[in-house]
């Protein structure tokens, strides 16, 4: 009976590892580096739609006809903050922002400088008491059975649930989020002004095996390197609704009119 249990455990571990089997071969990393040498790196994007829809828009090969999925699973290889400021209200399209921070700390453009002290990173600087500069979080995801990672950019309205998930992982596993397979889904919610949007939800699907962790270490490092080379491309209509502060919040900043001009 014990032998049978050992066999079943081995079969289960083997089945789990098949999802990232391609990265057992270190040559796949060299292949990616060689093929994209000298090129600006880009990642296919998984998009969160507008209008409180609860399905993700997935790359299909046809940008005008994306696939849709209610849930999917992936390993989060790397993640970092992004700050985006538009002088004029964003209404869609791929217009470049007036100021952007690729690390969530230092802005490039107008006004530029430290994000921590920037007046546009304060409640009250935007519409309805919101922040004029929008905070996002870029997640670089590898789905099982695939070779190249995809990018999911979390909008402001999903950052609370993201922080709760990171806290849960830290408290329960004492490890980083890239040590588990995460299940992603969407929930329809409303902000304090009654505007509906889609909020990302996260749940641990399973822990990575030790073998899988070894397979993905180098890929995670490579993605981290490439993530610093990606230019911001806001070309989707995912939730860009202003996040409003809690009821009763009093703005602690006045926007300098000279900085607006």
Protein backbone atom coordinates (compact mmCIF):
# COMPACT_ATOMS: atom_id res chain seq x y z
CA UNK A 1 0.00 0.00 0.00
CA UNK A 2 2.87 2.38 0.90
CA UNK A 3 4.47 1.70 -2.47
CA UNK A 4 1.19 2.55 -4.20
CA UNK A 5 0.99 5.86 -2.33
CA UNK A 6 4.57 6.71 -3.32
CA UNK A 7 3.75 5.99 -6.96
CA UNK A 8 0.66 8.21 -6.84
CA UNK A 9 2.65 11.03 -5.21
CA UNK A 10 5.31 10.76 -7.92
CA UNK A 11 2.70 10.81 -10.67
CA UNK A 12 1.08 13.90 -9.14
CA UNK A 13 4.41 15.74 -8.85
CA UNK A 14 5.33 14.81 -12.41
CA UNK A 15 1.98 16.05 -13.71
CA UNK A 16 2.38 19.37 -11.87
CA UNK A 17 5.87 19.90 -13.25
CA UNK A 18 4.84 19.38 -16.86
CA UNK A 19 3.40 22.87 -16.98
CA UNK A 20 6.87 24.47 -16.90
CA UNK A 21 8.79 21.59 -18.42
CA UNK A 22 10.23 23.74 -21.23
CA UNK A 23 12.44 25.55 -18.74
CA UNK A 24 14.20 22.38 -17.67
CA UNK A 25 16.32 23.06 -20.73
CA UNK A 26 18.51 26.13 -20.13
CA UNK A 27 18.88 26.51 -23.90
CA UNK A 28 15.36 27.94 -24.14
CA UNK A 29 16.57 31.05 -22.27
CA UNK A 30 19.51 31.48 -24.63
CA UNK A 31 17.14 31.04 -27.56
CA UNK A 32 14.97 33.92 -26.31
CA UNK A 33 17.99 36.15 -25.73
CA UNK A 34 19.40 35.46 -29.18
CA UNK A 35 16.12 35.87 -31.04
CA UNK A 36 15.34 39.21 -29.39
CA UNK A 37 18.89 40.55 -29.29
CA UNK A 38 18.96 44.28 -30.11
CA UNK A 39 15.16 44.54 -30.14
CA UNK A 40 12.88 46.42 -27.76
CA UNK A 41 11.31 43.75 -25.60
CA UNK A 42 7.54 43.59 -25.41
CA UNK A 43 5.06 41.25 -23.80
CA UNK A 44 1.59 40.25 -24.97
CA UNK A 45 -0.94 41.88 -22.69
CA UNK A 46 -3.76 40.36 -20.68
CA UNK A 47 -6.31 43.15 -20.30
CA UNK A 48 -8.90 44.02 -17.69
CA UNK A 49 -11.93 45.40 -19.57
CA UNK A 50 -13.98 48.47 -18.67
CA UNK A 51 -17.59 48.51 -17.57
CA UNK A 52 -17.32 46.09 -14.64
CA UNK A 53 -17.00 43.09 -16.94
CA UNK A 54 -15.81 39.90 -15.26
CA UNK A 55 -13.82 38.32 -18.10
CA UNK A 56 -10.20 38.94 -19.02
CA UNK A 57 -9.25 39.82 -22.58
CA UNK A 58 -6.53 37.39 -23.61
CA UNK A 59 -4.12 37.62 -26.57
CA UNK A 60 -5.45 35.66 -29.52
CA UNK A 61 -3.18 36.68 -32.40
CA UNK A 62 -5.90 39.08 -33.58
CA UNK A 63 -5.94 42.34 -31.57
CA UNK A 64 -9.45 43.10 -32.83
CA UNK A 65 -10.82 39.78 -31.61
CA UNK A 66 -9.27 38.82 -28.25
CA UNK A 67 -10.14 35.63 -26.46
CA UNK A 68 -11.97 35.91 -23.14
CA UNK A 69 -11.52 33.90 -19.97
CA UNK A 70 -13.28 34.22 -16.62
CA UNK A 71 -10.31 32.78 -14.74
CA UNK A 72 -6.79 31.64 -15.50
CA UNK A 73 -3.70 30.49 -13.59
CA UNK A 74 -0.07 31.61 -13.86
CA UNK A 75 3.15 32.15 -11.94
CA UNK A 76 3.98 35.78 -11.21
CA UNK A 77 7.62 35.93 -12.28
CA UNK A 78 8.14 39.61 -11.47
CA UNK A 79 6.09 42.63 -10.41
CA UNK A 80 6.72 46.33 -9.98
CA UNK A 81 4.90 49.63 -9.55
CA UNK A 82 4.11 52.16 -12.29
CA UNK A 83 2.83 55.72 -11.87
CA UNK A 84 1.01 57.41 -14.78
CA UNK A 85 -0.03 61.06 -15.01
CA UNK A 86 -2.08 62.70 -17.77
CA UNK A 87 -2.45 66.48 -17.70
CA UNK A 88 -5.74 66.19 -19.60
CA UNK A 89 -8.28 63.56 -18.59
CA UNK A 90 -7.51 60.21 -20.20
CA UNK A 91 -10.30 59.16 -22.57
CA UNK A 92 -8.78 56.09 -24.22
CA UNK A 93 -6.31 55.37 -26.98
CA UNK A 94 -2.54 55.25 -26.84
CA UNK A 95 -1.62 58.85 -26.07
CA UNK A 96 1.64 59.01 -24.10
CA UNK A 97 1.33 60.23 -20.51
CA UNK A 98 2.76 63.61 -19.52
CA UNK A 99 4.71 61.97 -16.70
CA UNK A 100 5.48 58.34 -15.93
CA UNK A 101 7.45 56.42 -13.35
CA UNK A 102 8.62 52.92 -14.29
CA UNK A 103 9.56 52.06 -10.73
CA UNK A 104 6.76 53.83 -8.88
CA UNK A 105 9.32 56.13 -7.23
CA UNK A 106 10.78 58.59 -9.75
CA UNK A 107 8.82 60.27 -12.53
CA UNK A 108 10.00 61.11 -16.05
CA UNK A 109 8.37 63.99 -17.94
CA UNK A 110 6.30 66.87 -16.55
CA UNK A 111 6.37 67.45 -13.61
CA UNK A 112 8.86 64.57 -13.06
CA UNK A 113 10.89 64.04 -9.90
CA UNK A 114 10.01 62.18 -6.72
CA UNK A 115 6.64 60.45 -6.78
CA UNK A 116 6.51 60.44 -2.98
CA UNK A 117 6.42 64.24 -2.76
CA UNK A 118 4.59 64.99 -6.01
CA UNK A 119 1.31 66.89 -5.43
CA UNK A 120 -0.41 64.82 -8.13
CA UNK A 121 0.19 61.72 -5.99
CA UNK A 122 -2.09 63.11 -3.28
CA UNK A 123 -5.81 62.61 -2.76
CA UNK A 124 -7.62 65.75 -3.88
CA UNK A 125 -5.42 66.46 -6.88
CA UNK A 126 -7.79 64.62 -9.26
CA UNK A 127 -11.52 64.42 -9.88
CA UNK A 128 -13.87 63.60 -7.01
CA UNK A 129 -11.08 63.78 -4.45
CA UNK A 130 -8.94 61.20 -6.24
CA UNK A 131 -5.26 61.30 -7.18
CA UNK A 132 -4.42 62.90 -10.52
CA UNK A 133 -1.51 60.47 -10.95
CA UNK A 134 -2.67 56.89 -11.24
CA UNK A 135 -0.81 54.05 -9.58
CA UNK A 136 -0.64 50.70 -11.36
CA UNK A 137 1.19 47.39 -10.81
CA UNK A 138 2.74 45.43 -13.65
CA UNK A 139 2.66 41.64 -13.24
CA UNK A 140 4.70 39.43 -15.56
CA UNK A 141 2.97 36.07 -15.80
CA UNK A 142 3.92 32.65 -17.13
CA UNK A 143 1.03 30.33 -17.81
CA UNK A 144 1.56 26.59 -17.64
CA UNK A 145 2.37 25.10 -21.02
CA UNK A 146 3.65 28.41 -22.43
CA UNK A 147 7.21 29.61 -23.03
CA UNK A 148 6.97 33.41 -23.16
CA UNK A 149 5.52 35.49 -20.28
CA UNK A 150 2.57 37.87 -20.60
CA UNK A 151 1.93 41.22 -18.94
CA UNK A 152 -1.06 42.10 -16.76
CA UNK A 153 -1.14 45.75 -15.66
CA UNK A 154 -3.31 46.14 -12.56
CA UNK A 155 -5.24 49.41 -12.42
CA UNK A 156 -5.69 51.51 -9.30
CA UNK A 157 -8.94 49.83 -8.31
CA UNK A 158 -7.26 46.42 -8.05
CA UNK A 159 -4.33 47.44 -5.86
CA UNK A 160 -6.14 46.92 -2.56
CA UNK A 161 -6.97 43.30 -3.37
CA UNK A 162 -3.40 42.82 -4.66
CA UNK A 163 -1.91 44.11 -1.41
CA UNK A 164 -4.22 41.80 0.57
CA UNK A 165 -3.03 38.85 -1.51
CA UNK A 166 0.65 39.69 -0.96
CA UNK A 167 -0.01 40.00 2.77
CA UNK A 168 -1.69 36.59 2.79
CA UNK A 169 1.21 34.95 0.94
CA UNK A 170 3.75 36.51 3.29
CA UNK A 171 1.83 35.55 6.45
CA UNK A 172 0.95 31.99 5.48
CA UNK A 173 3.98 30.91 3.43
CA UNK A 174 6.77 33.24 4.55
CA UNK A 175 7.74 33.36 0.87
CA UNK A 176 7.49 35.50 -2.26
CA UNK A 177 4.50 35.43 -4.56
CA UNK A 178 6.58 33.81 -7.33
CA UNK A 179 6.67 30.54 -5.35
CA UNK A 180 3.01 29.74 -6.06
CA UNK A 181 0.66 29.32 -9.00
CA UNK A 182 -1.96 32.06 -8.70
CA UNK A 183 -5.57 31.90 -9.93
CA UNK A 184 -6.84 35.20 -11.35
CA UNK A 185 -10.47 36.29 -11.60
CA UNK A 186 -12.49 39.54 -11.75
CA UNK A 187 -15.20 40.97 -9.54
CA UNK A 188 -17.62 43.75 -10.49
CA UNK A 189 -17.50 46.58 -7.91
CA UNK A 190 -18.40 50.27 -7.63
CA UNK A 191 -16.47 53.24 -6.33
CA UNK A 192 -17.98 55.80 -3.95
CA UNK A 193 -19.44 57.78 -6.87
CA UNK A 194 -21.33 54.75 -8.17
CA UNK A 195 -19.08 54.05 -11.16
CA UNK A 196 -18.63 50.34 -11.79
CA UNK A 197 -15.30 48.74 -12.64
CA UNK A 198 -13.60 45.35 -12.70
CA UNK A 199 -11.45 44.47 -9.71
CA UNK A 200 -8.86 41.70 -9.99
CA UNK A 201 -9.01 38.88 -7.45
CA UNK A 202 -6.22 36.47 -6.52
CA UNK A 203 -6.13 33.02 -4.97
CA UNK A 204 -3.40 30.44 -4.44
CA UNK A 205 -3.95 27.54 -6.83
CA UNK A 206 -1.00 25.50 -5.56
CA UNK A 207 2.61 25.77 -4.44
CA UNK A 208 5.35 25.34 -7.00
CA UNK A 209 7.37 22.18 -6.61
CA UNK A 210 11.06 22.51 -5.78
CA UNK A 211 11.87 21.41 -9.33
CA UNK A 212 9.61 24.10 -10.80
CA UNK A 213 11.21 26.79 -8.64
CA UNK A 214 14.64 25.81 -9.97
CA UNK A 215 13.33 25.87 -13.54
CA UNK A 216 11.96 29.41 -13.27
CA UNK A 217 14.70 31.23 -11.35
CA UNK A 218 16.68 32.29 -14.44
CA UNK A 219 13.53 33.23 -16.35
CA UNK A 220 12.42 35.47 -13.48
CA UNK A 221 15.78 37.26 -13.56
CA UNK A 222 15.59 37.72 -17.32
CA UNK A 223 12.05 39.11 -17.12
CA UNK A 224 13.14 41.53 -14.39
CA UNK A 225 15.93 42.73 -16.69
CA UNK A 226 13.62 43.15 -19.69
CA UNK A 227 10.91 44.87 -17.64
CA UNK A 228 13.22 47.86 -17.25
CA UNK A 229 13.34 48.29 -21.03
CA UNK A 230 9.61 48.34 -21.73
CA UNK A 231 8.05 51.65 -22.74
CA UNK A 232 4.63 52.36 -21.26
CA UNK A 233 1.85 51.67 -23.74
CA UNK A 234 -1.59 52.50 -22.45
CA UNK A 235 -3.65 51.14 -25.33
CA UNK A 236 -6.59 49.54 -23.58
CA UNK A 237 -9.71 50.80 -21.86
CA UNK A 238 -9.28 48.88 -18.63
CA UNK A 239 -10.54 50.58 -15.53
CA UNK A 240 -9.11 54.07 -15.45
CA UNK A 241 -11.82 55.33 -13.15
CA UNK A 242 -10.61 57.61 -10.41
CA UNK A 243 -10.14 55.83 -7.11
CA UNK A 244 -11.88 57.90 -4.46
CA UNK A 245 -10.67 58.14 -0.87
CA UNK A 246 -12.73 56.93 2.10
CA UNK A 247 -15.81 58.94 3.06
CA UNK A 248 -14.92 61.93 5.16
CA UNK A 249 -11.36 62.15 3.87
CA UNK A 250 -10.08 65.74 3.71
CA UNK A 251 -7.48 66.42 0.99
CA UNK A 252 -4.16 67.57 2.43
CA UNK A 253 -2.79 69.19 -0.70
CA UNK A 254 -3.53 72.00 -3.09
CA UNK A 255 -2.31 71.63 -6.66
CA UNK A 256 0.01 74.40 -7.83
CA UNK A 257 -1.64 76.05 -10.87
CA UNK A 258 1.78 76.63 -12.41
CA UNK A 259 2.38 72.89 -12.49
CA UNK A 260 -0.87 72.36 -14.36
CA UNK A 261 0.01 74.82 -17.11
